[in-house]
Each structure stands twice: as C-alpha cells, then as structure tokens.
Amino acid sequence: MEYIKRTAEEITKHALAVISRIDKDQKDKMIETISLSDSIFIVGSGRSELIGKAFAMRLMHLGFNVYVVGDVTTPAIKDSDCLIVISGSGETKVGTTAAHTAKEIGASVVGVTTNPHSTLGKYLDVIVNIESKSKEPWEHPTSHELKGNYDDLAPMGTLFEDSTHLFLDGLIAEFMVRLGKKEQDLKIRHATME
C-alpha cells in the first residue's frame, strides 16, 4: 500500500504543478478551436490513444461531433475540422503523419505534448505544453518533482499521460460551464448498450 499511496500522491502533485503552468492563451485557443470546428478528430498512440478516447467520449457527451483516428467509422477530415494530437515525445509516427495530413487539408491542428519543438510542433496551430516526463529521458533537471528511484514508480510516459488526462477532464469541466451544461445533459448521450 505504501507504494500505491506514495505514487498517487507524487503523480497528483506533479499533475497539479504541470497544469498550473499551461499557457492560458493556448488553453483558450484549444477551447475556441474545438468550439468552432465542425468535427473533432483525436489521435494518439498506446496509452496516449486511451487518454484521447476518454476525452473523445466526454466531448461526445457534450454534443460535439468527435472521431478517433483509426476507428473504421472515422470519416475524412475537412478544412472546417480540427485534429487533436496527444503525443508526449511529439515524434510518434501516427500523430505526426495525421498532423501533416490535416495541415495539408487545411484543418486546425492542436497538440498536447511535452516537446513543442518536435516534428509534431511544426504542424501545430495550438500547442498545449505538458511539462512532464514522457517515455523519453527526463530533460528538465530544474524540476525537483522526481528524485531517486521514483522513475521506476511512474515509468515511461505515466506522468505525461496522467497529467494530460487530468488536464483534459478539467477542460471538459470548463466546457460544461461555458456551455451551461450539467451532468444530466451529459447522461442523455451516455451509452445505453453496455
């Protein structure tokens, strides 16, 4: 139990610190981009894809047209749509390829990443920088959140993924306030075939 509690405390503390440093203008641009888009497409790889799917589900509950890239029912992206790429490294092939394609078509591209200067960064209209460890080696020695053997307790992209998940859930809460939605409004669109 000691490791579970310690890890949960440290991840939570880290996520709160990271979220507090997200650029407010970029966060507002992300909300505006989503709000003005006909459809929202979300892409990620591995655990980032799972975080993206959770976000897609909540956007659907709010009434947005949203698709996860790679699903067989996902239509073609148009210039009136936006793509949200979740990639800690900013170098995952599926994310960078999707961003390149969306950019060529004229869609808006939003990136949630630890590395704004990555390949992905070249295609982004909106950059949400999650200053966190991804699966790549930690490159921010000024951060004191992780010391000793803690990397083994939050391996690879755990800190990025958990911080991103909490940020995106917070974004859903902000959408609810801006749109005047309550939990009951979301429940109307909740799955009935489970």
Protein backbone atom coordinates (compact mmCIF):
# COMPACT_ATOMS: atom_id res chain seq x y z
CA MET A 1 0.00 0.00 0.00
CA GLU A 2 2.94 2.31 0.69
CA TYR A 3 3.95 2.43 -2.99
CA ILE A 4 0.40 2.97 -4.21
CA LYS A 5 -0.16 5.89 -1.84
CA ARG A 6 3.26 7.43 -2.46
CA THR A 7 2.92 7.12 -6.22
CA ALA A 8 -0.62 8.55 -6.26
CA GLU A 9 0.46 11.50 -4.11
CA GLU A 10 3.51 12.28 -6.24
CA ILE A 11 1.68 11.90 -9.56
CA THR A 12 -1.15 14.13 -8.32
CA LYS A 13 1.26 16.75 -7.01
CA HIS A 14 3.17 16.65 -10.30
CA ALA A 15 0.00 16.92 -12.41
CA LEU A 16 -1.27 19.93 -10.45
CA ALA A 17 2.07 21.72 -10.87
CA VAL A 18 2.19 20.94 -14.58
CA ILE A 19 -1.41 22.00 -15.23
CA SER A 20 -0.86 25.30 -13.39
CA ARG A 21 1.96 26.11 -15.86
CA ILE A 22 -0.07 25.51 -19.04
CA ASP A 23 -0.27 28.70 -21.09
CA LYS A 24 -3.77 30.17 -20.59
CA ASP A 25 -3.85 31.64 -24.11
CA GLN A 26 -3.10 28.24 -25.64
CA LYS A 27 -5.75 26.60 -23.45
CA ASP A 28 -8.28 29.22 -24.56
CA LYS A 29 -7.23 28.72 -28.20
CA MET A 30 -7.80 24.98 -27.80
CA ILE A 31 -11.31 25.59 -26.47
CA GLU A 32 -12.05 28.07 -29.27
CA THR A 33 -10.69 25.73 -31.94
CA ILE A 34 -12.81 22.83 -30.70
CA SER A 35 -15.90 25.05 -30.39
CA LEU A 36 -15.58 26.42 -33.95
CA SER A 37 -14.86 23.08 -35.63
CA ASP A 38 -17.49 21.06 -37.47
CA SER A 39 -15.88 17.84 -36.23
CA ILE A 40 -13.04 16.99 -33.86
CA PHE A 41 -10.59 14.21 -34.65
CA ILE A 42 -8.35 12.79 -31.93
CA VAL A 43 -5.21 10.71 -32.37
CA GLY A 44 -2.57 9.20 -30.12
CA SER A 45 -0.55 6.01 -29.76
CA GLY A 46 -0.57 3.50 -26.93
CA ARG A 47 -1.69 4.96 -23.61
CA SER A 48 -1.97 8.43 -25.19
CA GLU A 49 -4.60 6.96 -27.51
CA LEU A 50 -6.54 5.71 -24.49
CA ILE A 51 -6.42 9.18 -22.91
CA GLY A 52 -7.63 10.58 -26.26
CA LYS A 53 -10.52 8.13 -26.37
CA ALA A 54 -11.62 9.15 -22.87
CA PHE A 55 -11.56 12.81 -23.97
CA ALA A 56 -13.44 11.95 -27.19
CA MET A 57 -16.13 10.23 -25.15
CA ARG A 58 -16.70 13.28 -22.96
CA LEU A 59 -16.75 15.63 -25.97
CA MET A 60 -19.41 13.35 -27.50
CA HIS A 61 -21.39 13.55 -24.24
CA LEU A 62 -21.26 17.34 -24.59
CA GLY A 63 -22.74 17.07 -28.11
CA PHE A 64 -19.64 17.55 -30.27
CA ASN A 65 -19.08 15.54 -33.44
CA VAL A 66 -15.92 13.66 -32.50
CA TYR A 67 -13.95 10.81 -34.03
CA VAL A 68 -10.92 8.78 -33.02
CA VAL A 69 -8.42 8.41 -35.86
CA GLY A 70 -8.08 4.74 -36.79
CA ASP A 71 -11.65 3.70 -35.98
CA VAL A 72 -13.33 2.17 -39.02
CA THR A 73 -16.21 4.65 -38.87
CA THR A 74 -13.97 7.74 -38.87
CA PRO A 75 -14.71 9.92 -41.93
CA ALA A 76 -12.33 12.12 -43.91
CA ILE A 77 -11.13 15.27 -42.18
CA LYS A 78 -12.12 18.61 -43.76
CA ASP A 79 -10.73 22.12 -43.56
CA SER A 80 -13.57 23.07 -41.18
CA ASP A 81 -12.48 20.39 -38.67
CA CYS A 82 -9.70 20.12 -36.11
CA LEU A 83 -7.28 17.38 -35.18
CA ILE A 84 -6.05 16.93 -31.62
CA VAL A 85 -2.78 15.01 -31.36
CA ILE A 86 -1.70 13.62 -27.99
CA SER A 87 1.99 12.71 -28.06
CA GLY A 88 4.45 13.12 -25.22
CA SER A 89 7.51 12.97 -27.45
CA GLY A 90 5.90 14.71 -30.40
CA GLU A 91 7.60 12.13 -32.59
CA THR A 92 5.13 9.24 -32.79
CA LYS A 93 4.53 8.32 -36.42
CA VAL A 94 0.75 8.07 -36.29
CA GLY A 95 0.49 11.50 -34.66
CA THR A 96 2.96 13.31 -36.90
CA THR A 97 1.52 11.72 -40.04
CA ALA A 98 -2.04 12.65 -39.05
CA ALA A 99 -0.94 16.22 -38.23
CA HIS A 100 0.83 16.56 -41.59
CA THR A 101 -2.26 15.28 -43.44
CA ALA A 102 -4.64 17.54 -41.51
CA LYS A 103 -2.41 20.56 -42.13
CA GLU A 104 -2.31 19.85 -45.89
CA ILE A 105 -6.12 19.71 -45.95
CA GLY A 106 -6.39 22.98 -44.03
CA ALA A 107 -7.79 21.66 -40.75
CA SER A 108 -6.66 23.19 -37.46
CA VAL A 109 -4.15 21.10 -35.52
CA VAL A 110 -3.92 21.09 -31.72
CA GLY A 111 -1.07 19.28 -29.99
CA VAL A 112 -0.81 18.12 -26.41
CA THR A 113 2.87 17.30 -25.90
CA THR A 114 5.94 17.64 -23.71
CA ASN A 115 8.01 18.68 -26.71
CA PRO A 116 6.75 21.72 -28.67
CA HIS A 117 9.98 21.75 -30.73
CA SER A 118 9.40 18.22 -32.05
CA THR A 119 8.35 17.11 -35.52
CA LEU A 120 4.74 17.44 -34.35
CA GLY A 121 5.39 21.03 -33.28
CA LYS A 122 5.95 22.07 -36.92
CA TYR A 123 2.30 21.36 -37.74
CA LEU A 124 0.57 22.85 -34.71
CA ASP A 125 -1.78 25.83 -34.61
CA VAL A 126 -2.28 25.36 -30.87
CA ILE A 127 0.35 23.94 -28.50
CA VAL A 128 -0.59 22.71 -25.05
CA ASN A 129 2.75 22.06 -23.41
CA ILE A 130 2.54 19.47 -20.64
CA GLU A 131 5.92 20.00 -18.96
CA SER A 132 6.33 16.42 -17.91
CA LYS A 133 8.38 13.30 -18.36
CA SER A 134 7.27 11.25 -21.35
CA LYS A 135 8.69 7.89 -22.37
CA GLU A 136 11.81 9.78 -23.44
CA PRO A 137 14.51 10.50 -20.81
CA TRP A 138 13.68 13.40 -18.48
CA GLU A 139 15.33 16.54 -19.82
CA HIS A 140 14.29 19.13 -17.22
CA PRO A 141 16.84 18.92 -14.40
CA THR A 142 15.35 22.05 -12.81
CA SER A 143 12.29 20.02 -11.84
CA HIS A 144 12.56 18.54 -8.38
CA GLU A 145 9.35 16.54 -8.55
CA LEU A 146 11.18 13.33 -9.39
CA LYS A 147 14.18 12.18 -7.39
CA GLY A 148 15.85 8.89 -6.61
CA ASN A 149 14.14 5.75 -7.84
CA TYR A 150 10.76 7.43 -8.38
CA ASP A 151 11.09 6.97 -12.16
CA ASP A 152 10.56 3.27 -11.53
CA LEU A 153 7.23 4.02 -9.83
CA ALA A 154 5.95 6.21 -12.68
CA PRO A 155 7.67 4.60 -15.66
CA MET A 156 7.98 5.92 -19.18
CA GLY A 157 5.02 8.15 -20.09
CA THR A 158 2.97 7.78 -16.90
CA LEU A 159 3.46 11.38 -15.73
CA PHE A 160 2.60 12.82 -19.15
CA GLU A 161 -0.43 10.60 -19.59
CA ASP A 162 -1.85 11.17 -16.11
CA SER A 163 -1.24 14.93 -16.29
CA THR A 164 -2.84 15.05 -19.75
CA HIS A 165 -5.84 13.05 -18.57
CA LEU A 166 -6.45 15.43 -15.65
CA PHE A 167 -5.96 18.49 -17.88
CA LEU A 168 -8.46 17.19 -20.45
CA ASP A 169 -11.01 16.30 -17.75
CA GLY A 170 -10.58 19.85 -16.43
CA LEU A 171 -11.16 21.14 -19.96
CA ILE A 172 -14.45 19.20 -20.08
CA ALA A 173 -15.48 20.91 -16.83
CA GLU A 174 -14.67 24.30 -18.38
CA PHE A 175 -16.73 23.41 -21.47
CA MET A 176 -19.63 22.45 -19.20
CA VAL A 177 -19.52 25.84 -17.50
CA ARG A 178 -19.17 27.76 -20.79
CA LEU A 179 -21.98 25.78 -22.44
CA GLY A 180 -24.23 25.83 -19.36
CA LYS A 181 -24.31 22.01 -19.23
CA LYS A 182 -24.98 19.87 -16.17
CA GLU A 183 -24.26 16.20 -15.54
CA GLN A 184 -27.84 15.36 -16.56
CA ASP A 185 -27.19 16.87 -20.01
CA LEU A 186 -24.23 14.53 -20.50
CA LYS A 187 -26.16 11.48 -19.24
CA ILE A 188 -28.66 11.90 -22.09
CA ARG A 189 -25.90 10.94 -24.55
CA HIS A 190 -24.35 8.23 -22.37
CA ALA A 191 -24.18 4.74 -23.88
CA THR A 192 -27.23 2.55 -23.30
CA MET A 193 -25.77 -0.62 -24.89
CA GLU A 194 -23.10 -1.62 -22.41
